[in-house]
N, C-alpha and C. Protein backbone atom coordinates (compact mmCIF):
# COMPACT_ATOMS: atom_id res chain seq x y z
N MET A 1 16.07 21.78 38.07
CA MET A 1 16.71 22.75 37.21
C MET A 1 16.01 24.09 37.37
N GLN A 2 16.80 25.12 37.59
CA GLN A 2 16.24 26.44 37.80
C GLN A 2 16.15 27.18 36.47
N ARG A 3 15.11 27.93 36.34
CA ARG A 3 14.85 28.66 35.11
C ARG A 3 14.99 30.15 35.36
N ARG A 4 15.63 30.85 34.43
CA ARG A 4 15.73 32.31 34.53
C ARG A 4 14.49 32.94 33.96
N GLU A 5 14.18 34.11 34.45
CA GLU A 5 13.00 34.82 33.95
C GLU A 5 13.12 35.04 32.45
N GLY A 6 12.03 34.78 31.73
CA GLY A 6 11.99 34.96 30.28
C GLY A 6 12.42 33.73 29.49
N GLU A 7 13.01 32.74 30.15
CA GLU A 7 13.40 31.53 29.45
C GLU A 7 12.19 30.61 29.29
N ALA A 8 12.12 29.94 28.17
CA ALA A 8 11.03 28.99 27.94
C ALA A 8 11.27 27.73 28.76
N PHE A 9 10.21 27.16 29.21
CA PHE A 9 10.29 25.90 29.95
C PHE A 9 9.95 24.76 29.01
N GLU A 10 10.84 23.81 28.88
CA GLU A 10 10.58 22.66 28.04
C GLU A 10 10.23 21.48 28.93
N SER A 11 9.06 20.96 28.72
CA SER A 11 8.60 19.83 29.51
C SER A 11 9.36 18.57 29.12
N PRO A 12 9.83 17.81 30.10
CA PRO A 12 10.53 16.57 29.78
C PRO A 12 9.56 15.43 29.47
N PHE A 13 8.27 15.67 29.61
CA PHE A 13 7.29 14.62 29.39
C PHE A 13 7.00 14.45 27.90
N PHE A 14 7.03 13.22 27.44
CA PHE A 14 6.75 12.96 26.04
C PHE A 14 6.01 11.63 25.93
N ALA A 15 5.44 11.42 24.78
CA ALA A 15 4.73 10.17 24.50
C ALA A 15 5.36 9.53 23.27
N ALA A 16 5.46 8.22 23.30
CA ALA A 16 5.88 7.46 22.13
C ALA A 16 4.59 6.94 21.49
N LEU A 17 4.35 7.32 20.27
CA LEU A 17 3.10 6.99 19.58
C LEU A 17 3.40 6.17 18.34
N SER A 18 2.51 5.26 18.03
CA SER A 18 2.68 4.48 16.80
C SER A 18 1.32 4.15 16.20
N ARG A 19 1.36 3.85 14.92
CA ARG A 19 0.15 3.51 14.18
C ARG A 19 0.52 2.41 13.21
N GLY A 20 -0.30 1.40 13.13
CA GLY A 20 -0.09 0.32 12.17
C GLY A 20 -1.40 -0.12 11.56
N VAL A 21 -1.39 -0.39 10.29
CA VAL A 21 -2.58 -0.87 9.58
C VAL A 21 -2.11 -2.03 8.69
N THR A 22 -2.85 -3.12 8.70
CA THR A 22 -2.47 -4.28 7.91
C THR A 22 -3.48 -4.53 6.79
N MET A 23 -3.07 -5.38 5.86
CA MET A 23 -3.91 -5.81 4.73
C MET A 23 -4.42 -4.62 3.90
N LEU A 24 -3.52 -3.72 3.55
CA LEU A 24 -3.89 -2.52 2.81
C LEU A 24 -3.71 -2.61 1.30
N ARG A 25 -2.96 -3.57 0.83
CA ARG A 25 -2.65 -3.62 -0.61
C ARG A 25 -3.93 -3.51 -1.43
N GLY A 26 -3.94 -2.54 -2.35
CA GLY A 26 -5.08 -2.32 -3.23
C GLY A 26 -6.14 -1.39 -2.66
N ALA A 27 -5.99 -0.98 -1.40
CA ALA A 27 -6.98 -0.08 -0.78
C ALA A 27 -6.91 1.30 -1.42
N VAL A 28 -8.05 1.95 -1.49
CA VAL A 28 -8.12 3.32 -1.99
C VAL A 28 -8.80 4.19 -0.94
N SER A 29 -8.66 5.48 -1.07
CA SER A 29 -9.26 6.42 -0.14
C SER A 29 -10.78 6.48 -0.32
N HIS A 30 -11.50 6.17 0.73
CA HIS A 30 -12.97 6.26 0.68
C HIS A 30 -13.40 7.72 0.47
N LEU A 31 -12.73 8.65 1.13
CA LEU A 31 -13.08 10.06 0.98
C LEU A 31 -12.87 10.53 -0.45
N ARG A 32 -11.80 10.08 -1.10
CA ARG A 32 -11.56 10.47 -2.49
C ARG A 32 -12.62 9.85 -3.40
N SER A 33 -13.03 8.61 -3.14
CA SER A 33 -14.02 7.96 -3.99
C SER A 33 -15.38 8.66 -3.89
N MET A 34 -15.66 9.30 -2.76
CA MET A 34 -16.92 10.04 -2.62
C MET A 34 -16.96 11.25 -3.54
N ASP A 35 -15.78 11.75 -3.92
CA ASP A 35 -15.68 12.87 -4.86
C ASP A 35 -15.66 12.40 -6.31
N GLY A 36 -15.80 11.09 -6.53
CA GLY A 36 -15.79 10.54 -7.88
C GLY A 36 -14.41 10.14 -8.37
N PHE A 37 -13.40 10.29 -7.52
CA PHE A 37 -12.05 9.91 -7.92
C PHE A 37 -11.43 9.13 -6.77
N ALA A 38 -11.15 7.87 -6.99
CA ALA A 38 -10.65 7.02 -5.92
C ALA A 38 -9.18 7.25 -5.61
N GLY A 39 -8.43 7.81 -6.52
CA GLY A 39 -7.00 7.98 -6.29
C GLY A 39 -6.29 6.66 -6.50
N PRO A 40 -4.98 6.69 -6.39
CA PRO A 40 -4.21 5.46 -6.63
C PRO A 40 -4.40 4.45 -5.50
N PRO A 41 -4.33 3.17 -5.80
CA PRO A 41 -4.41 2.17 -4.73
C PRO A 41 -3.11 2.12 -3.94
N TYR A 42 -3.21 1.75 -2.68
CA TYR A 42 -2.02 1.60 -1.84
C TYR A 42 -1.31 0.33 -2.27
N THR A 43 0.00 0.40 -2.45
CA THR A 43 0.73 -0.73 -3.03
C THR A 43 1.38 -1.67 -2.02
N ALA A 44 1.56 -1.22 -0.80
CA ALA A 44 2.17 -2.08 0.22
C ALA A 44 1.09 -2.83 0.99
N ASN A 45 1.46 -3.93 1.61
CA ASN A 45 0.48 -4.69 2.39
C ASN A 45 0.23 -4.07 3.76
N ASN A 46 1.26 -3.49 4.36
CA ASN A 46 1.15 -2.93 5.71
C ASN A 46 1.64 -1.50 5.74
N TYR A 47 1.17 -0.75 6.72
CA TYR A 47 1.64 0.62 6.96
C TYR A 47 1.95 0.74 8.44
N THR A 48 3.14 1.20 8.75
CA THR A 48 3.51 1.45 10.14
C THR A 48 4.24 2.78 10.22
N ALA A 49 4.04 3.47 11.31
CA ALA A 49 4.74 4.72 11.56
C ALA A 49 4.80 4.92 13.07
N SER A 50 5.86 5.55 13.52
CA SER A 50 5.96 5.87 14.94
C SER A 50 6.65 7.21 15.10
N THR A 51 6.40 7.84 16.23
CA THR A 51 7.00 9.14 16.51
C THR A 51 6.99 9.38 18.01
N ARG A 52 7.73 10.36 18.43
CA ARG A 52 7.70 10.81 19.81
C ARG A 52 7.19 12.24 19.79
N ALA A 53 6.41 12.59 20.78
CA ALA A 53 5.88 13.95 20.86
C ALA A 53 5.92 14.43 22.30
N ALA A 54 6.41 15.62 22.49
CA ALA A 54 6.39 16.23 23.82
C ALA A 54 4.97 16.65 24.15
N LEU A 55 4.65 16.64 25.41
CA LEU A 55 3.33 17.06 25.85
C LEU A 55 3.00 18.45 25.32
N ALA A 56 3.96 19.34 25.36
CA ALA A 56 3.73 20.71 24.86
C ALA A 56 3.37 20.71 23.38
N GLU A 57 3.96 19.83 22.59
CA GLU A 57 3.64 19.76 21.16
C GLU A 57 2.22 19.27 20.95
N ILE A 58 1.81 18.28 21.72
CA ILE A 58 0.45 17.75 21.61
C ILE A 58 -0.57 18.81 22.03
N GLU A 59 -0.28 19.51 23.11
CA GLU A 59 -1.19 20.55 23.59
C GLU A 59 -1.29 21.72 22.62
N ALA A 60 -0.22 21.98 21.86
CA ALA A 60 -0.22 23.10 20.91
C ALA A 60 -1.08 22.80 19.68
N GLY A 61 -1.38 21.56 19.42
CA GLY A 61 -2.18 21.16 18.26
C GLY A 61 -1.66 19.85 17.71
N SER A 62 -2.55 19.01 17.30
CA SER A 62 -2.15 17.66 16.90
C SER A 62 -1.64 17.57 15.47
N GLY A 63 -1.72 18.63 14.68
CA GLY A 63 -1.34 18.59 13.27
C GLY A 63 0.02 17.97 12.98
N PRO A 64 1.09 18.44 13.61
CA PRO A 64 2.41 17.86 13.33
C PRO A 64 2.50 16.39 13.73
N VAL A 65 1.85 16.02 14.79
CA VAL A 65 1.88 14.62 15.23
C VAL A 65 1.10 13.74 14.26
N VAL A 66 -0.07 14.20 13.83
CA VAL A 66 -0.87 13.45 12.84
C VAL A 66 -0.08 13.31 11.55
N GLU A 67 0.59 14.37 11.14
CA GLU A 67 1.41 14.32 9.91
C GLU A 67 2.47 13.25 10.01
N ARG A 68 3.17 13.18 11.13
CA ARG A 68 4.24 12.19 11.27
C ARG A 68 3.70 10.77 11.32
N LEU A 69 2.51 10.59 11.87
CA LEU A 69 1.95 9.23 11.97
C LEU A 69 1.21 8.78 10.72
N LEU A 70 0.48 9.68 10.07
CA LEU A 70 -0.38 9.27 8.96
C LEU A 70 -0.14 9.98 7.64
N GLY A 71 0.71 10.98 7.64
CA GLY A 71 0.94 11.77 6.43
C GLY A 71 1.36 10.95 5.23
N ARG A 72 2.32 10.06 5.42
CA ARG A 72 2.81 9.24 4.30
C ARG A 72 1.69 8.38 3.71
N LEU A 73 0.86 7.78 4.57
CA LEU A 73 -0.26 6.96 4.11
C LEU A 73 -1.28 7.81 3.34
N PHE A 74 -1.64 8.96 3.91
CA PHE A 74 -2.62 9.83 3.25
C PHE A 74 -2.12 10.32 1.89
N ARG A 75 -0.84 10.66 1.81
CA ARG A 75 -0.29 11.11 0.53
C ARG A 75 -0.24 9.98 -0.49
N ALA A 76 0.01 8.76 -0.05
CA ALA A 76 0.10 7.62 -0.96
C ALA A 76 -1.21 7.36 -1.70
N VAL A 77 -2.33 7.58 -1.04
CA VAL A 77 -3.64 7.35 -1.68
C VAL A 77 -4.33 8.67 -2.02
N GLU A 78 -3.56 9.75 -1.95
CA GLU A 78 -4.02 11.10 -2.27
C GLU A 78 -5.19 11.56 -1.40
N ALA A 79 -5.33 10.99 -0.22
CA ALA A 79 -6.37 11.44 0.70
C ALA A 79 -6.02 12.79 1.30
N ASP A 80 -4.76 13.19 1.21
CA ASP A 80 -4.35 14.49 1.74
C ASP A 80 -4.93 15.64 0.92
N GLN A 81 -5.56 15.35 -0.21
CA GLN A 81 -6.19 16.37 -1.05
C GLN A 81 -7.61 16.69 -0.60
N VAL A 82 -8.16 15.94 0.33
CA VAL A 82 -9.54 16.10 0.80
C VAL A 82 -9.56 17.13 1.93
N ALA A 83 -10.46 18.09 1.86
CA ALA A 83 -10.53 19.17 2.85
C ALA A 83 -10.67 18.65 4.28
N ALA A 84 -11.47 17.60 4.47
CA ALA A 84 -11.67 17.04 5.81
C ALA A 84 -10.39 16.49 6.40
N VAL A 85 -9.47 16.05 5.55
CA VAL A 85 -8.19 15.53 6.01
C VAL A 85 -7.19 16.67 6.16
N LYS A 86 -7.19 17.62 5.26
CA LYS A 86 -6.24 18.73 5.28
C LYS A 86 -6.26 19.49 6.60
N LYS A 87 -7.44 19.65 7.19
CA LYS A 87 -7.53 20.43 8.43
C LYS A 87 -6.74 19.81 9.57
N HIS A 88 -6.47 18.50 9.52
CA HIS A 88 -5.72 17.85 10.58
C HIS A 88 -4.22 18.07 10.45
N PHE A 89 -3.78 18.60 9.31
CA PHE A 89 -2.37 18.85 9.09
C PHE A 89 -2.01 20.31 9.29
N GLU A 90 -2.98 21.13 9.63
CA GLU A 90 -2.73 22.57 9.81
C GLU A 90 -2.28 22.87 11.22
């Protein structure tokens, strides 16, 4: 495929990524507990998430990819409120 001058090039290369964690029911955020507040316990037994990411998206910064894979889990136990975690979503 030929590209005209000034047009963006979109890489066709992508990765299929997934994350799974088992035996989570009742787990709390360790980072939140270090601040004196454990946050709510996780209520499901398992956590799974998957996403696709273009190479260009990964190279631009992992924040959006991390959000899609772990954001729901971090929000469930309020770990997304911890500064060390927040920086990965920026």
